[in-house]
Amino acid sequence: MSVNRDDEALRLEIFAIGIQELEFWKRAVKADNMLFEQLFYLIFSVDHRLAWRCCWIIDSASEDFPELLTDKLTEIIAALLTTSDGSLKRHFTRILCRYSIPENSLAGLVNRCFELLAPSEPVSVRVYAMQLLFNITLQLPDLRGELISVIENLRELGGSAGFMNRSEKLLRKLHHQ
């Protein structure tokens, strides 16, 4: 990716953001569509650190302003299907948990989320993938039995407190659907 001076200045600003500046950036992204588009584009950068930080800002902003990403879901899903970056997987699954998934993207996303439940994945990725699969069962009720079975098998293997807690809550909800 070639970087012009404006892009380089933006990169430096992004690397300087701390949690205390996040609120400012969330409001800025909402107010300035060009800034939003620049940050969204940078999510796909080969520079891991830059991509992660831009995704963090976009994820946080879309939490308060979900309309920011309603027309970007297909791109986020496509990125989730191909990325091997744990930070991006975490943010992409977290983002997608807040939206209804387009029907034409469900099959690939379901397969990817089941892959992301592997014990080798970071706990946060596994928890958000599990939540996303649960959310998808509301659109695809036939998936419910398979998800119950997979979660029960994963619980037998054990896991972190966060994983065990979320899986228990989701199993209760799945059994009551």
Protein backbone atom coordinates (compact mmCIF):
# COMPACT_ATOMS: atom_id res chain seq x y z
CA MET A 1 0.00 0.00 0.00
CA SER A 2 1.45 3.36 -0.93
CA VAL A 3 1.16 6.00 1.74
CA ASN A 4 0.84 9.70 1.04
CA ARG A 5 1.57 12.36 3.65
CA ASP A 6 -2.03 12.53 4.81
CA ASP A 7 -2.10 8.75 5.26
CA GLU A 8 1.20 8.83 7.14
CA ALA A 9 -0.07 11.58 9.46
CA LEU A 10 -3.22 9.55 10.10
CA ARG A 11 -1.12 6.44 10.86
CA LEU A 12 0.90 8.35 13.45
CA GLU A 13 -2.27 9.67 15.07
CA ILE A 14 -3.78 6.18 15.18
CA PHE A 15 -0.69 4.73 16.84
CA ALA A 16 -0.87 7.47 19.49
CA ILE A 17 -4.48 6.73 20.48
CA GLY A 18 -5.03 5.49 23.99
CA ILE A 19 -8.24 4.50 25.71
CA GLN A 20 -8.74 8.08 26.88
CA GLU A 21 -8.86 9.34 23.26
CA LEU A 22 -11.20 6.63 22.04
CA GLU A 23 -14.38 8.63 22.76
CA PHE A 24 -13.07 11.50 20.66
CA TRP A 25 -12.26 9.13 17.77
CA LYS A 26 -15.67 7.44 17.98
CA ARG A 27 -17.41 10.79 17.63
CA ALA A 28 -15.01 11.86 14.87
CA VAL A 29 -15.68 8.70 12.87
CA LYS A 30 -19.43 9.27 13.19
CA ALA A 31 -19.16 12.94 12.17
CA ASP A 32 -16.66 12.57 9.30
CA ASN A 33 -17.54 9.99 6.65
CA MET A 34 -14.18 10.44 4.91
CA LEU A 35 -12.35 9.60 8.14
CA PHE A 36 -14.60 6.58 8.64
CA GLU A 37 -13.86 5.35 5.12
CA GLN A 38 -10.10 5.85 5.61
CA LEU A 39 -10.12 3.87 8.85
CA PHE A 40 -12.32 1.17 7.38
CA TYR A 41 -9.95 0.84 4.41
CA LEU A 42 -6.99 0.55 6.79
CA ILE A 43 -8.59 -2.44 8.55
CA PHE A 44 -7.40 -4.41 5.53
CA SER A 45 -3.83 -3.13 5.74
CA VAL A 46 -0.96 -5.63 5.76
CA ASP A 47 0.41 -3.69 8.75
CA HIS A 48 -1.07 -5.80 11.57
CA ARG A 49 -0.78 -3.10 14.20
CA LEU A 50 -2.43 -0.48 12.03
CA ALA A 51 -5.23 -2.84 10.93
CA TRP A 52 -5.94 -3.86 14.53
CA ARG A 53 -6.04 -0.30 15.85
CA CYS A 54 -8.33 0.87 13.04
CA CYS A 55 -10.59 -2.12 13.64
CA TRP A 56 -10.66 -1.30 17.37
CA ILE A 57 -11.83 2.24 16.61
CA ILE A 58 -14.43 1.08 14.07
CA ASP A 59 -15.69 -1.65 16.42
CA SER A 60 -16.02 0.82 19.28
CA ALA A 61 -17.69 3.47 17.13
CA SER A 62 -20.16 0.98 15.65
CA GLU A 63 -21.15 -0.09 19.15
CA ASP A 64 -22.55 3.42 19.73
CA PHE A 65 -23.47 4.07 16.09
CA PRO A 66 -24.45 0.72 14.52
CA GLU A 67 -25.60 2.41 11.32
CA LEU A 68 -21.94 3.01 10.43
CA LEU A 69 -21.49 -0.61 9.38
CA THR A 70 -24.86 -1.68 8.04
CA ASP A 71 -23.61 -1.50 4.45
CA LYS A 72 -20.17 -2.95 5.31
CA LEU A 73 -21.23 -6.33 6.71
CA THR A 74 -20.40 -8.25 3.54
CA GLU A 75 -16.85 -6.87 3.58
CA ILE A 76 -16.42 -7.66 7.28
CA ILE A 77 -17.70 -11.20 6.76
CA ALA A 78 -15.36 -11.71 3.79
CA ALA A 79 -12.44 -10.49 5.90
CA LEU A 80 -13.37 -12.79 8.78
CA LEU A 81 -13.48 -15.75 6.41
CA THR A 82 -9.87 -15.17 5.36
CA THR A 83 -7.97 -13.54 8.22
CA SER A 84 -5.63 -15.46 10.46
CA ASP A 85 -5.09 -12.45 12.73
CA GLY A 86 -6.51 -13.12 16.20
CA SER A 87 -7.17 -9.46 16.98
CA LEU A 88 -9.12 -8.96 13.78
CA LYS A 89 -11.06 -12.20 14.29
CA ARG A 90 -12.05 -10.96 17.75
CA HIS A 91 -13.22 -7.57 16.48
CA PHE A 92 -14.97 -8.94 13.39
CA THR A 93 -16.93 -11.54 15.38
CA ARG A 94 -17.73 -8.95 18.05
CA ILE A 95 -19.01 -6.53 15.42
CA LEU A 96 -21.08 -9.17 13.65
CA CYS A 97 -22.77 -10.15 16.92
CA ARG A 98 -24.59 -6.81 16.80
CA TYR A 99 -26.16 -7.29 13.35
CA SER A 100 -28.55 -9.52 11.48
CA ILE A 101 -26.44 -11.43 8.98
CA PRO A 102 -27.38 -11.25 5.29
CA GLU A 103 -28.88 -14.57 4.21
CA ASN A 104 -26.41 -15.06 1.35
CA SER A 105 -23.50 -14.91 3.84
CA LEU A 106 -24.84 -17.33 6.43
CA ALA A 107 -23.34 -20.62 5.18
CA GLY A 108 -19.75 -19.43 4.97
CA LEU A 109 -20.01 -17.55 8.23
CA VAL A 110 -21.48 -20.50 10.09
CA ASN A 111 -18.64 -22.76 8.91
CA ARG A 112 -16.02 -20.18 9.88
CA CYS A 113 -17.54 -19.65 13.33
CA PHE A 114 -17.50 -23.38 14.02
CA GLU A 115 -13.81 -23.36 13.03
CA LEU A 116 -13.22 -20.48 15.44
CA LEU A 117 -14.52 -22.55 18.35
CA ALA A 118 -11.33 -24.64 18.25
CA PRO A 119 -9.46 -24.67 21.56
CA SER A 120 -6.38 -23.33 19.76
CA GLU A 121 -8.18 -20.00 19.18
CA PRO A 122 -7.98 -17.16 21.72
CA VAL A 123 -10.77 -17.29 24.29
CA SER A 124 -12.31 -13.99 23.18
CA VAL A 125 -12.53 -15.20 19.58
CA ARG A 126 -14.17 -18.44 20.71
CA VAL A 127 -16.67 -16.64 22.92
CA TYR A 128 -17.71 -14.17 20.21
CA ALA A 129 -17.89 -16.95 17.59
CA MET A 130 -20.12 -18.95 19.91
CA GLN A 131 -22.34 -15.89 20.52
CA LEU A 132 -22.51 -15.21 16.80
CA LEU A 133 -23.54 -18.81 16.11
CA PHE A 134 -26.23 -18.50 18.78
CA ASN A 135 -27.50 -15.30 17.14
CA ILE A 136 -27.57 -17.08 13.78
CA THR A 137 -29.75 -19.86 15.25
CA LEU A 138 -32.45 -17.21 15.51
CA GLN A 139 -32.30 -16.98 11.70
CA LEU A 140 -31.53 -20.68 11.12
CA PRO A 141 -33.31 -22.68 13.85
CA ASP A 142 -32.13 -25.99 12.31
CA LEU A 143 -28.61 -25.08 13.44
CA ARG A 144 -29.62 -25.19 17.11
CA GLY A 145 -29.05 -28.93 17.65
CA GLU A 146 -25.60 -28.90 16.10
CA LEU A 147 -24.56 -25.87 18.15
CA ILE A 148 -25.79 -27.49 21.37
CA SER A 149 -23.79 -30.63 20.60
CA VAL A 150 -20.61 -28.72 19.77
CA ILE A 151 -20.84 -26.51 22.86
CA GLU A 152 -21.47 -29.51 25.12
CA ASN A 153 -18.42 -31.29 23.64
CA LEU A 154 -16.26 -28.20 24.11
CA ARG A 155 -17.39 -27.83 27.72
CA GLU A 156 -16.22 -31.40 28.39
CA LEU A 157 -12.74 -30.31 27.30
CA GLY A 158 -12.85 -27.47 29.81
CA GLY A 159 -11.77 -23.94 29.19
CA SER A 160 -11.35 -20.53 30.70
CA ALA A 161 -13.88 -19.14 33.14
CA GLY A 162 -15.11 -16.75 30.44
CA PHE A 163 -15.67 -19.52 27.94
CA MET A 164 -17.37 -21.81 30.44
CA ASN A 165 -19.62 -19.01 31.70
CA ARG A 166 -20.74 -17.89 28.24
CA SER A 167 -21.21 -21.46 27.00
CA GLU A 168 -23.39 -22.29 30.00
CA LYS A 169 -25.58 -19.22 29.42
CA LEU A 170 -25.92 -19.94 25.71
CA LEU A 171 -26.77 -23.60 26.33
CA ARG A 172 -29.59 -22.55 28.66
CA LYS A 173 -30.95 -20.21 26.01
CA LEU A 174 -30.58 -22.83 23.26
CA HIS A 175 -32.49 -25.40 25.32
CA HIS A 176 -35.32 -22.88 25.82
CA GLN A 177 -35.62 -21.77 22.17
